[in-house]
Amino acid sequence: MQTSETLQDVLVEAINDEYKARAMYQCVINQFGRVRPFINIIEAETRHIQALIPLFHKYGVPVPEDDWLQRVDTPESIVAACRIGVDAEIENAGMYDRLL
C-alpha cells in the first residue's frame, strides 16, 4: 500500500475491482449461458467480495454499492470474454501487489 492511500481507498478500490469483474462475468453468462470457465470464475469473484466485506465492517468503512452490472459492456463473443478475463485477472493481481 502506498503511503498516500488510506485504508478506505484501498478497500474501496479492491471491492470495486471485484464487483467489476463479477459484473463482466455475469454479462457473459447472461449473453452466452452458463458456460465454463465463467460459471466458476463468477463464484470466485463472489467469494473475494465476501472476504472483503468483513474488513469494511471491522474498520468502519461503508461498503460501496455494487452498480457495476449497469457499467460494463458485454463482450462480443466467448473468445473476447476470455481475453478480457485474462487481462482483468492480470490487472487484479497487479492491483493487489500494489495495494498490499
PDB file of N, CA and C in Angstrom:
ATOM      1  N   MET A   1       0.853  -1.175   0.000  1.00  0.00           N
ATOM      2  CA  MET A   1       0.000   0.000   0.000  1.00  0.00           C
ATOM      3  C   MET A   1       0.895   1.232   0.000  1.00  0.00           C
ATOM      4  N   GLN A   2       0.612   2.157  -0.882  1.00  0.00           N
ATOM      5  CA  GLN A   2       1.367   3.399  -0.917  1.00  0.00           C
ATOM      6  C   GLN A   2       0.930   4.275   0.249  1.00  0.00           C
ATOM      7  N   THR A   3       1.846   5.067   0.757  1.00  0.00           N
ATOM      8  CA  THR A   3       1.543   5.878   1.929  1.00  0.00           C
ATOM      9  C   THR A   3       0.453   6.911   1.671  1.00  0.00           C
ATOM     10  N   SER A   4       0.253   7.306   0.434  1.00  0.00           N
ATOM     11  CA  SER A   4      -0.767   8.311   0.140  1.00  0.00           C
ATOM     12  C   SER A   4      -2.182   7.725   0.121  1.00  0.00           C
ATOM     13  N   GLU A   5      -2.273   6.412   0.121  1.00  0.00           N
ATOM     14  CA  GLU A   5      -3.577   5.776   0.074  1.00  0.00           C
ATOM     15  C   GLU A   5      -4.047   5.427   1.481  1.00  0.00           C
ATOM     16  N   THR A   6      -5.281   5.745   1.780  1.00  0.00           N
ATOM     17  CA  THR A   6      -5.838   5.390   3.071  1.00  0.00           C
ATOM     18  C   THR A   6      -6.399   3.977   2.998  1.00  0.00           C
ATOM     19  N   LEU A   7      -6.652   3.411   4.160  1.00  0.00           N
ATOM     20  CA  LEU A   7      -7.255   2.082   4.211  1.00  0.00           C
ATOM     21  C   LEU A   7      -8.593   2.080   3.474  1.00  0.00           C
ATOM     22  N   GLN A   8      -9.362   3.137   3.641  1.00  0.00           N
ATOM     23  CA  GLN A   8     -10.650   3.221   2.946  1.00  0.00           C
ATOM     24  C   GLN A   8     -10.448   3.192   1.434  1.00  0.00           C
ATOM     25  N   ASP A   9      -9.482   3.958   0.938  1.00  0.00           N
ATOM     26  CA  ASP A   9      -9.198   3.971  -0.503  1.00  0.00           C
ATOM     27  C   ASP A   9      -8.851   2.576  -1.005  1.00  0.00           C
ATOM     28  N   VAL A  10      -8.025   1.876  -0.237  1.00  0.00           N
ATOM     29  CA  VAL A  10      -7.573   0.542  -0.619  1.00  0.00           C
ATOM     30  C   VAL A  10      -8.750  -0.427  -0.663  1.00  0.00           C
ATOM     31  N   LEU A  11      -9.555  -0.423   0.394  1.00  0.00           N
ATOM     32  CA  LEU A  11     -10.696  -1.336   0.443  1.00  0.00           C
ATOM     33  C   LEU A  11     -11.688  -1.052  -0.681  1.00  0.00           C
ATOM     34  N   VAL A  12     -11.967   0.212  -0.922  1.00  0.00           N
ATOM     35  CA  VAL A  12     -12.925   0.577  -1.970  1.00  0.00           C
ATOM     36  C   VAL A  12     -12.386   0.189  -3.349  1.00  0.00           C
ATOM     37  N   GLU A  13     -11.121   0.437  -3.597  1.00  0.00           N
ATOM     38  CA  GLU A  13     -10.542   0.047  -4.887  1.00  0.00           C
ATOM     39  C   GLU A  13     -10.609  -1.462  -5.078  1.00  0.00           C
ATOM     40  N   ALA A  14     -10.284  -2.206  -4.031  1.00  0.00           N
ATOM     41  CA  ALA A  14     -10.286  -3.665  -4.130  1.00  0.00           C
ATOM     42  C   ALA A  14     -11.687  -4.206  -4.397  1.00  0.00           C
ATOM     43  N   ILE A  15     -12.668  -3.748  -3.624  1.00  0.00           N
ATOM     44  CA  ILE A  15     -14.013  -4.310  -3.811  1.00  0.00           C
ATOM     45  C   ILE A  15     -14.611  -3.869  -5.139  1.00  0.00           C
ATOM     46  N   ASN A  16     -14.313  -2.658  -5.582  1.00  0.00           N
ATOM     47  CA  ASN A  16     -14.819  -2.224  -6.885  1.00  0.00           C
ATOM     48  C   ASN A  16     -14.226  -3.044  -8.016  1.00  0.00           C
ATOM     49  N   ASP A  17     -12.964  -3.430  -7.888  1.00  0.00           N
ATOM     50  CA  ASP A  17     -12.349  -4.277  -8.900  1.00  0.00           C
ATOM     51  C   ASP A  17     -13.033  -5.641  -8.932  1.00  0.00           C
ATOM     52  N   GLU A  18     -13.348  -6.178  -7.759  1.00  0.00           N
ATOM     53  CA  GLU A  18     -14.043  -7.465  -7.689  1.00  0.00           C
ATOM     54  C   GLU A  18     -15.474  -7.339  -8.208  1.00  0.00           C
ATOM     55  N   TYR A  19     -16.163  -6.257  -7.851  1.00  0.00           N
ATOM     56  CA  TYR A  19     -17.511  -6.017  -8.372  1.00  0.00           C
ATOM     57  C   TYR A  19     -17.490  -5.952  -9.899  1.00  0.00           C
ATOM     58  N   LYS A  20     -16.524  -5.213 -10.431  1.00  0.00           N
ATOM     59  CA  LYS A  20     -16.425  -5.036 -11.884  1.00  0.00           C
ATOM     60  C   LYS A  20     -16.206  -6.374 -12.585  1.00  0.00           C
ATOM     61  N   ALA A  21     -15.296  -7.180 -12.046  1.00  0.00           N
ATOM     62  CA  ALA A  21     -15.023  -8.487 -12.644  1.00  0.00           C
ATOM     63  C   ALA A  21     -16.266  -9.369 -12.595  1.00  0.00           C
ATOM     64  N   ARG A  22     -16.924  -9.399 -11.431  1.00  0.00           N
ATOM     65  CA  ARG A  22     -18.115 -10.236 -11.302  1.00  0.00           C
ATOM     66  C   ARG A  22     -19.195  -9.779 -12.289  1.00  0.00           C
ATOM     67  N   ALA A  23     -19.351  -8.479 -12.460  1.00  0.00           N
ATOM     68  CA  ALA A  23     -20.356  -7.960 -13.392  1.00  0.00           C
ATOM     69  C   ALA A  23     -20.047  -8.368 -14.827  1.00  0.00           C
ATOM     70  N   MET A  24     -18.786  -8.301 -15.216  1.00  0.00           N
ATOM     71  CA  MET A  24     -18.423  -8.695 -16.572  1.00  0.00           C
ATOM     72  C   MET A  24     -18.733 -10.172 -16.794  1.00  0.00           C
ATOM     73  N   TYR A  25     -18.373 -11.016 -15.818  1.00  0.00           N
ATOM     74  CA  TYR A  25     -18.652 -12.443 -15.958  1.00  0.00           C
ATOM     75  C   TYR A  25     -20.152 -12.703 -15.954  1.00  0.00           C
ATOM     76  N   GLN A  26     -20.927 -11.932 -15.192  1.00  0.00           N
ATOM     77  CA  GLN A  26     -22.383 -12.086 -15.202  1.00  0.00           C
ATOM     78  C   GLN A  26     -22.954 -11.704 -16.561  1.00  0.00           C
ATOM     79  N   CYS A  27     -22.415 -10.665 -17.180  1.00  0.00           N
ATOM     80  CA  CYS A  27     -22.848 -10.282 -18.525  1.00  0.00           C
ATOM     81  C   CYS A  27     -22.585 -11.402 -19.523  1.00  0.00           C
ATOM     82  N   VAL A  28     -21.439 -12.042 -19.398  1.00  0.00           N
ATOM     83  CA  VAL A  28     -21.103 -13.160 -20.286  1.00  0.00           C
ATOM     84  C   VAL A  28     -22.117 -14.285 -20.102  1.00  0.00           C
ATOM     85  N   ILE A  29     -22.407 -14.625 -18.851  1.00  0.00           N
ATOM     86  CA  ILE A  29     -23.362 -15.698 -18.570  1.00  0.00           C
ATOM     87  C   ILE A  29     -24.755 -15.314 -19.078  1.00  0.00           C
ATOM     88  N   ASN A  30     -25.152 -14.070 -18.876  1.00  0.00           N
ATOM     89  CA  ASN A  30     -26.462 -13.619 -19.359  1.00  0.00           C
ATOM     90  C   ASN A  30     -26.566 -13.721 -20.876  1.00  0.00           C
ATOM     91  N   GLN A  31     -25.476 -13.421 -21.574  1.00  0.00           N
ATOM     92  CA  GLN A  31     -25.481 -13.408 -23.038  1.00  0.00           C
ATOM     93  C   GLN A  31     -25.285 -14.795 -23.653  1.00  0.00           C
ATOM     94  N   PHE A  32     -24.375 -15.589 -23.071  1.00  0.00           N
ATOM     95  CA  PHE A  32     -23.967 -16.839 -23.711  1.00  0.00           C
ATOM     96  C   PHE A  32     -24.363 -18.097 -22.942  1.00  0.00           C
ATOM     97  N   GLY A  33     -25.001 -17.933 -21.797  1.00  0.00           N
ATOM     98  CA  GLY A  33     -25.417 -19.091 -20.998  1.00  0.00           C
ATOM     99  C   GLY A  33     -24.368 -19.462 -19.959  1.00  0.00           C
ATOM    100  N   ARG A  34     -24.675 -20.510 -19.231  1.00  0.00           N
ATOM    101  CA  ARG A  34     -23.824 -20.944 -18.111  1.00  0.00           C
ATOM    102  C   ARG A  34     -22.633 -21.746 -18.648  1.00  0.00           C
ATOM    103  N   VAL A  35     -21.684 -21.031 -19.227  1.00  0.00           N
ATOM    104  CA  VAL A  35     -20.515 -21.660 -19.840  1.00  0.00           C
ATOM    105  C   VAL A  35     -19.308 -21.556 -18.911  1.00  0.00           C
ATOM    106  N   ARG A  36     -18.464 -22.567 -19.008  1.00  0.00           N
ATOM    107  CA  ARG A  36     -17.207 -22.536 -18.264  1.00  0.00           C
ATOM    108  C   ARG A  36     -16.185 -21.790 -19.095  1.00  0.00           C
ATOM    109  N   PRO A  37     -15.270 -21.118 -18.480  1.00  0.00           N
ATOM    110  CA  PRO A  37     -14.960 -21.070 -17.052  1.00  0.00           C
ATOM    111  C   PRO A  37     -15.750 -20.019 -16.284  1.00  0.00           C
ATOM    112  N   PHE A  38     -16.652 -19.310 -16.964  1.00  0.00           N
ATOM    113  CA  PHE A  38     -17.286 -18.140 -16.350  1.00  0.00           C
ATOM    114  C   PHE A  38     -18.183 -18.485 -15.170  1.00  0.00           C
ATOM    115  N   ILE A  39     -18.844 -19.644 -15.224  1.00  0.00           N
ATOM    116  CA  ILE A  39     -19.682 -20.017 -14.078  1.00  0.00           C
ATOM    117  C   ILE A  39     -18.838 -20.294 -12.839  1.00  0.00           C
ATOM    118  N   ASN A  40     -17.608 -20.747 -13.051  1.00  0.00           N
ATOM    119  CA  ASN A  40     -16.706 -20.976 -11.921  1.00  0.00           C
ATOM    120  C   ASN A  40     -16.075 -19.673 -11.437  1.00  0.00           C
ATOM    121  N   ILE A  41     -15.671 -18.859 -12.368  1.00  0.00           N
ATOM    122  CA  ILE A  41     -14.973 -17.621 -12.013  1.00  0.00           C
ATOM    123  C   ILE A  41     -15.899 -16.656 -11.276  1.00  0.00           C
ATOM    124  N   ILE A  42     -17.167 -16.589 -11.689  1.00  0.00           N
ATOM    125  CA  ILE A  42     -18.082 -15.666 -11.023  1.00  0.00           C
ATOM    126  C   ILE A  42     -18.256 -16.053  -9.555  1.00  0.00           C
ATOM    127  N   GLU A  43     -18.236 -17.352  -9.273  1.00  0.00           N
ATOM    128  CA  GLU A  43     -18.311 -17.798  -7.875  1.00  0.00           C
ATOM    129  C   GLU A  43     -17.075 -17.360  -7.102  1.00  0.00           C
ATOM    130  N   ALA A  44     -15.916 -17.428  -7.734  1.00  0.00           N
ATOM    131  CA  ALA A  44     -14.678 -16.983  -7.077  1.00  0.00           C
ATOM    132  C   ALA A  44     -14.726 -15.482  -6.804  1.00  0.00           C
ATOM    133  N   GLU A  45     -15.237 -14.713  -7.752  1.00  0.00           N
ATOM    134  CA  GLU A  45     -15.342 -13.261  -7.542  1.00  0.00           C
ATOM    135  C   GLU A  45     -16.270 -12.953  -6.367  1.00  0.00           C
ATOM    136  N   THR A  46     -17.354 -13.701  -6.256  1.00  0.00           N
ATOM    137  CA  THR A  46     -18.275 -13.513  -5.129  1.00  0.00           C
ATOM    138  C   THR A  46     -17.580 -13.839  -3.814  1.00  0.00           C
ATOM    139  N   ARG A  47     -16.777 -14.894  -3.794  1.00  0.00           N
ATOM    140  CA  ARG A  47     -16.018 -15.229  -2.570  1.00  0.00           C
ATOM    141  C   ARG A  47     -15.026 -14.125  -2.220  1.00  0.00           C
ATOM    142  N   HIS A  48     -14.392 -13.528  -3.217  1.00  0.00           N
ATOM    143  CA  HIS A  48     -13.454 -12.430  -2.956  1.00  0.00           C
ATOM    144  C   HIS A  48     -14.192 -11.249  -2.324  1.00  0.00           C
ATOM    145  N   ILE A  49     -15.366 -10.937  -2.858  1.00  0.00           N
ATOM    146  CA  ILE A  49     -16.177  -9.844  -2.304  1.00  0.00           C
ATOM    147  C   ILE A  49     -16.570 -10.168  -0.869  1.00  0.00           C
ATOM    148  N   GLN A  50     -17.010 -11.400  -0.646  1.00  0.00           N
ATOM    149  CA  GLN A  50     -17.415 -11.811   0.702  1.00  0.00           C
ATOM    150  C   GLN A  50     -16.242 -11.769   1.677  1.00  0.00           C
ATOM    151  N   ALA A  51     -15.038 -11.976   1.193  1.00  0.00           N
ATOM    152  CA  ALA A  51     -13.858 -11.895   2.063  1.00  0.00           C
ATOM    153  C   ALA A  51     -13.512 -10.448   2.407  1.00  0.00           C
ATOM    154  N   LEU A  52     -13.807  -9.523   1.520  1.00  0.00           N
ATOM    155  CA  LEU A  52     -13.503  -8.111   1.763  1.00  0.00           C
ATOM    156  C   LEU A  52     -14.518  -7.439   2.686  1.00  0.00           C
ATOM    157  N   ILE A  53     -15.766  -7.815   2.606  1.00  0.00           N
ATOM    158  CA  ILE A  53     -16.819  -7.128   3.372  1.00  0.00           C
ATOM    159  C   ILE A  53     -16.543  -7.102   4.872  1.00  0.00           C
ATOM    160  N   PRO A  54     -16.082  -8.192   5.502  1.00  0.00           N
ATOM    161  CA  PRO A  54     -15.781  -8.099   6.936  1.00  0.00           C
ATOM    162  C   PRO A  54     -14.706  -7.056   7.268  1.00  0.00           C
ATOM    163  N   LEU A  55     -13.787  -6.803   6.346  1.00  0.00           N
ATOM    164  CA  LEU A  55     -12.772  -5.772   6.583  1.00  0.00           C
ATOM    165  C   LEU A  55     -13.398  -4.382   6.593  1.00  0.00           C
ATOM    166  N   PHE A  56     -14.374  -4.166   5.738  1.00  0.00           N
ATOM    167  CA  PHE A  56     -15.098  -2.888   5.754  1.00  0.00           C
ATOM    168  C   PHE A  56     -15.754  -2.692   7.118  1.00  0.00           C
ATOM    169  N   HIS A  57     -16.416  -3.749   7.601  1.00  0.00           N
ATOM    170  CA  HIS A  57     -17.102  -3.654   8.893  1.00  0.00           C
ATOM    171  C   HIS A  57     -16.106  -3.470  10.039  1.00  0.00           C
ATOM    172  N   LYS A  58     -15.017  -4.220   9.995  1.00  0.00           N
ATOM    173  CA  LYS A  58     -14.014  -4.151  11.063  1.00  0.00           C
ATOM    174  C   LYS A  58     -13.459  -2.741  11.221  1.00  0.00           C
ATOM    175  N   TYR A  59     -13.227  -2.077  10.105  1.00  0.00           N
ATOM    176  CA  TYR A  59     -12.596  -0.756  10.147  1.00  0.00           C
ATOM    177  C   TYR A  59     -13.594   0.398   9.982  1.00  0.00           C
ATOM    178  N   GLY A  60     -14.880   0.087  10.031  1.00  0.00           N
ATOM    179  CA  GLY A  60     -15.897   1.131   9.982  1.00  0.00           C
ATOM    180  C   GLY A  60     -15.983   1.873   8.661  1.00  0.00           C
ATOM    181  N   VAL A  61     -15.663   1.176   7.587  1.00  0.00           N
ATOM    182  CA  VAL A  61     -15.713   1.779   6.251  1.00  0.00           C
ATOM    183  C   VAL A  61     -17.024   1.349   5.584  1.00  0.00           C
ATOM    184  N   PRO A  62     -17.795   2.293   5.065  1.00  0.00           N
ATOM    185  CA  PRO A  62     -19.041   1.916   4.388  1.00  0.00           C
ATOM    186  C   PRO A  62     -18.755   1.059   3.152  1.00  0.00           C
ATOM    187  N   VAL A  63     -19.522  -0.007   2.989  1.00  0.00           N
ATOM    188  CA  VAL A  63     -19.375  -0.879   1.818  1.00  0.00           C
ATOM    189  C   VAL A  63     -20.043  -0.185   0.633  1.00  0.00           C
ATOM    190  N   PRO A  64     -19.284   0.060  -0.441  1.00  0.00           N
ATOM    191  CA  PRO A  64     -19.890   0.729  -1.595  1.00  0.00           C
ATOM    192  C   PRO A  64     -20.935  -0.159  -2.272  1.00  0.00           C
ATOM    193  N   GLU A  65     -21.895   0.499  -2.884  1.00  0.00           N
ATOM    194  CA  GLU A  65     -22.929  -0.209  -3.631  1.00  0.00           C
ATOM    195  C   GLU A  65     -22.305  -0.853  -4.867  1.00  0.00           C
ATOM    196  N   ASP A  66     -22.807  -2.023  -5.212  1.00  0.00           N
ATOM    197  CA  ASP A  66     -22.359  -2.694  -6.431  1.00  0.00           C
ATOM    198  C   ASP A  66     -23.301  -2.305  -7.568  1.00  0.00           C
ATOM    199  N   ASP A  67     -22.872  -1.338  -8.356  1.00  0.00           N
ATOM    200  CA  ASP A  67     -23.667  -0.904  -9.507  1.00  0.00           C
ATOM    201  C   ASP A  67     -22.963  -1.238 -10.825  1.00  0.00           C
ATOM    202  N   TRP A  68     -22.044  -2.173 -10.766  1.00  0.00           N
ATOM    203  CA  TRP A  68     -21.201  -2.460 -11.924  1.00  0.00           C
ATOM    204  C   TRP A  68     -21.924  -3.163 -13.060  1.00  0.00           C
ATOM    205  N   LEU A  69     -23.000  -3.885 -12.784  1.00  0.00           N
ATOM    206  CA  LEU A  69     -23.692  -4.592 -13.863  1.00  0.00           C
ATOM    207  C   LEU A  69     -24.199  -3.618 -14.930  1.00  0.00           C
ATOM    208  N   GLN A  70     -24.548  -2.414 -14.519  1.00  0.00           N
ATOM    209  CA  GLN A  70     -25.001  -1.402 -15.471  1.00  0.00           C
ATOM    210  C   GLN A  70     -23.833  -0.661 -16.122  1.00  0.00           C
ATOM    211  N   ARG A  71     -22.628  -0.891 -15.637  1.00  0.00           N
ATOM    212  CA  ARG A  71     -21.478  -0.102 -16.098  1.00  0.00           C
ATOM    213  C   ARG A  71     -20.532  -0.861 -17.019  1.00  0.00           C
ATOM    214  N   VAL A  72     -20.704  -2.161 -17.150  1.00  0.00           N
ATOM    215  CA  VAL A  72     -19.791  -2.929 -18.001  1.00  0.00           C
ATOM    216  C   VAL A  72     -20.490  -3.317 -19.299  1.00  0.00           C
ATOM    217  N   ASP A  73     -19.700  -3.495 -20.328  1.00  0.00           N
ATOM    218  CA  ASP A  73     -20.217  -3.927 -21.623  1.00  0.00           C
ATOM    219  C   ASP A  73     -20.066  -5.435 -21.751  1.00  0.00           C
ATOM    220  N   THR A  74     -21.013  -6.054 -22.427  1.00  0.00           N
ATOM    221  CA  THR A  74     -20.940  -7.488 -22.677  1.00  0.00           C
ATOM    222  C   THR A  74     -19.978  -7.736 -23.837  1.00  0.00           C
ATOM    223  N   PRO A  75     -19.003  -8.627 -23.648  1.00  0.00           N
ATOM    224  CA  PRO A  75     -18.100  -8.955 -24.755  1.00  0.00           C
ATOM    225  C   PRO A  75     -18.885  -9.526 -25.941  1.00  0.00           C
ATOM    226  N   GLU A  76     -18.318  -9.371 -27.127  1.00  0.00           N
ATOM    227  CA  GLU A  76     -18.996  -9.795 -28.352  1.00  0.00           C
ATOM    228  C   GLU A  76     -19.015 -11.299 -28.545  1.00  0.00           C
ATOM    229  N   SER A  77     -18.093 -12.001 -27.911  1.00  0.00           N
ATOM    230  CA  SER A  77     -18.011 -13.453 -28.087  1.00  0.00           C
ATOM    231  C   SER A  77     -17.376 -14.072 -26.848  1.00  0.00           C
ATOM    232  N   ILE A  78     -17.446 -15.383 -26.782  1.00  0.00           N
ATOM    233  CA  ILE A  78     -16.791 -16.103 -25.684  1.00  0.00           C
ATOM    234  C   ILE A  78     -15.280 -15.890 -25.752  1.00  0.00           C
ATOM    235  N   VAL A  79     -14.731 -15.915 -26.960  1.00  0.00           N
ATOM    236  CA  VAL A  79     -13.285 -15.709 -27.119  1.00  0.00           C
ATOM    237  C   VAL A  79     -12.892 -14.321 -26.610  1.00  0.00           C
ATOM    238  N   ALA A  80     -13.663 -13.312 -26.981  1.00  0.00           N
ATOM    239  CA  ALA A  80     -13.378 -11.955 -26.495  1.00  0.00           C
ATOM    240  C   ALA A  80     -13.505 -11.894 -24.980  1.00  0.00           C
ATOM    241  N   ALA A  81     -14.503 -12.574 -24.432  1.00  0.00           N
ATOM    242  CA  ALA A  81     -14.681 -12.602 -22.978  1.00  0.00           C
ATOM    243  C   ALA A  81     -13.486 -13.247 -22.293  1.00  0.00           C
ATOM    244  N   CYS A  82     -12.951 -14.294 -22.889  1.00  0.00           N
ATOM    245  CA  CYS A  82     -11.763 -14.950 -22.318  1.00  0.00           C
ATOM    246  C   CYS A  82     -10.570 -14.001 -22.323  1.00  0.00           C
ATOM    247  N   ARG A  83     -10.373 -13.289 -23.419  1.00  0.00           N
ATOM    248  CA  ARG A  83      -9.261 -12.329 -23.497  1.00  0.00           C
ATOM    249  C   ARG A  83      -9.417 -11.229 -22.448  1.00  0.00           C
ATOM    250  N   ILE A  84     -10.624 -10.688 -22.350  1.00  0.00           N
ATOM    251  CA  ILE A  84     -10.891  -9.639 -21.364  1.00  0.00           C
ATOM    252  C   ILE A  84     -10.679 -10.176 -19.957  1.00  0.00           C
ATOM    253  N   GLY A  85     -11.142 -11.399 -19.718  1.00  0.00           N
ATOM    254  CA  GLY A  85     -10.988 -12.010 -18.399  1.00  0.00           C
ATOM    255  C   GLY A  85      -9.536 -12.207 -18.013  1.00  0.00           C
ATOM    256  N   VAL A  86      -8.726 -12.675 -18.942  1.00  0.00           N
ATOM    257  CA  VAL A  86      -7.296 -12.867 -18.660  1.00  0.00           C
ATOM    258  C   VAL A  86      -6.648 -11.528 -18.329  1.00  0.00           C
ATOM    259  N   ASP A  87      -6.915 -10.526 -19.144  1.00  0.00           N
ATOM    260  CA  ASP A  87      -6.347  -9.197 -18.884  1.00  0.00           C
ATOM    261  C   ASP A  87      -6.801  -8.657 -17.532  1.00  0.00           C
ATOM    262  N   ALA A  88      -8.083  -8.850 -17.215  1.00  0.00           N
ATOM    263  CA  ALA A  88      -8.622  -8.352 -15.943  1.00  0.00           C
ATOM    264  C   ALA A  88      -7.975  -9.051 -14.755  1.00  0.00           C
ATOM    265  N   GLU A  89      -7.739 -10.346 -14.871  1.00  0.00           N
ATOM    266  CA  GLU A  89      -7.129 -11.082 -13.758  1.00  0.00           C
ATOM    267  C   GLU A  89      -5.663 -10.681 -13.570  1.00  0.00           C
ATOM    268  N   ILE A  90      -4.964 -10.410 -14.651  1.00  0.00           N
ATOM    269  CA  ILE A  90      -3.578  -9.931 -14.550  1.00  0.00           C
ATOM    270  C   ILE A  90      -3.554  -8.561 -13.880  1.00  0.00           C
ATOM    271  N   GLU A  91      -4.465  -7.680 -14.292  1.00  0.00           N
ATOM    272  CA  GLU A  91      -4.558  -6.355 -13.663  1.00  0.00           C
ATOM    273  C   GLU A  91      -4.944  -6.470 -12.194  1.00  0.00           C
ATOM    274  N   ASN A  92      -5.824  -7.422 -11.873  1.00  0.00           N
ATOM    275  CA  ASN A  92      -6.258  -7.636 -10.493  1.00  0.00           C
ATOM    276  C   ASN A  92      -5.080  -8.054  -9.620  1.00  0.00           C
ATOM    277  N   ALA A  93      -4.259  -8.960 -10.120  1.00  0.00           N
ATOM    278  CA  ALA A  93      -3.080  -9.387  -9.361  1.00  0.00           C
ATOM    279  C   ALA A  93      -2.127  -8.214  -9.158  1.00  0.00           C
ATOM    280  N   GLY A  94      -1.941  -7.402 -10.188  1.00  0.00           N
ATOM    281  CA  GLY A  94      -1.094  -6.219 -10.065  1.00  0.00           C
ATOM    282  C   GLY A  94      -1.640  -5.226  -9.059  1.00  0.00           C
ATOM    283  N   MET A  95      -2.961  -5.088  -9.034  1.00  0.00           N
ATOM    284  CA  MET A  95      -3.581  -4.179  -8.070  1.00  0.00           C
ATOM    285  C   MET A  95      -3.286  -4.642  -6.645  1.00  0.00           C
ATOM    286  N   TYR A  96      -3.473  -5.937  -6.394  1.00  0.00           N
ATOM    287  CA  TYR A  96      -3.215  -6.436  -5.043  1.00  0.00           C
ATOM    288  C   TYR A  96      -1.734  -6.348  -4.683  1.00  0.00           C
ATOM    289  N   ASP A  97      -0.847  -6.567  -5.643  1.00  0.00           N
ATOM    290  CA  ASP A  97       0.587  -6.376  -5.375  1.00  0.00           C
ATOM    291  C   ASP A  97       0.866  -4.934  -4.960  1.00  0.00           C
ATOM    292  N   ARG A  98       0.245  -4.000  -5.638  1.00  0.00           N
ATOM    293  CA  ARG A  98       0.447  -2.582  -5.339  1.00  0.00           C
ATOM    294  C   ARG A  98      -0.188  -2.190  -4.006  1.00  0.00           C
ATOM    295  N   LEU A  99      -1.394  -2.681  -3.748  1.00  0.00           N
ATOM    296  CA  LEU A  99      -2.121  -2.273  -2.547  1.00  0.00           C
ATOM    297  C   LEU A  99      -1.599  -2.921  -1.275  1.00  0.00           C
ATOM    298  N   LEU A 100      -1.112  -4.142  -1.408  1.00  0.00           N
ATOM    299  CA  LEU A 100      -0.652  -4.849  -0.213  1.00  0.00           C
ATOM    300  C   LEU A 100       0.836  -4.658  -0.024  1.00  0.00           C
TER     301      LEU A 100
END
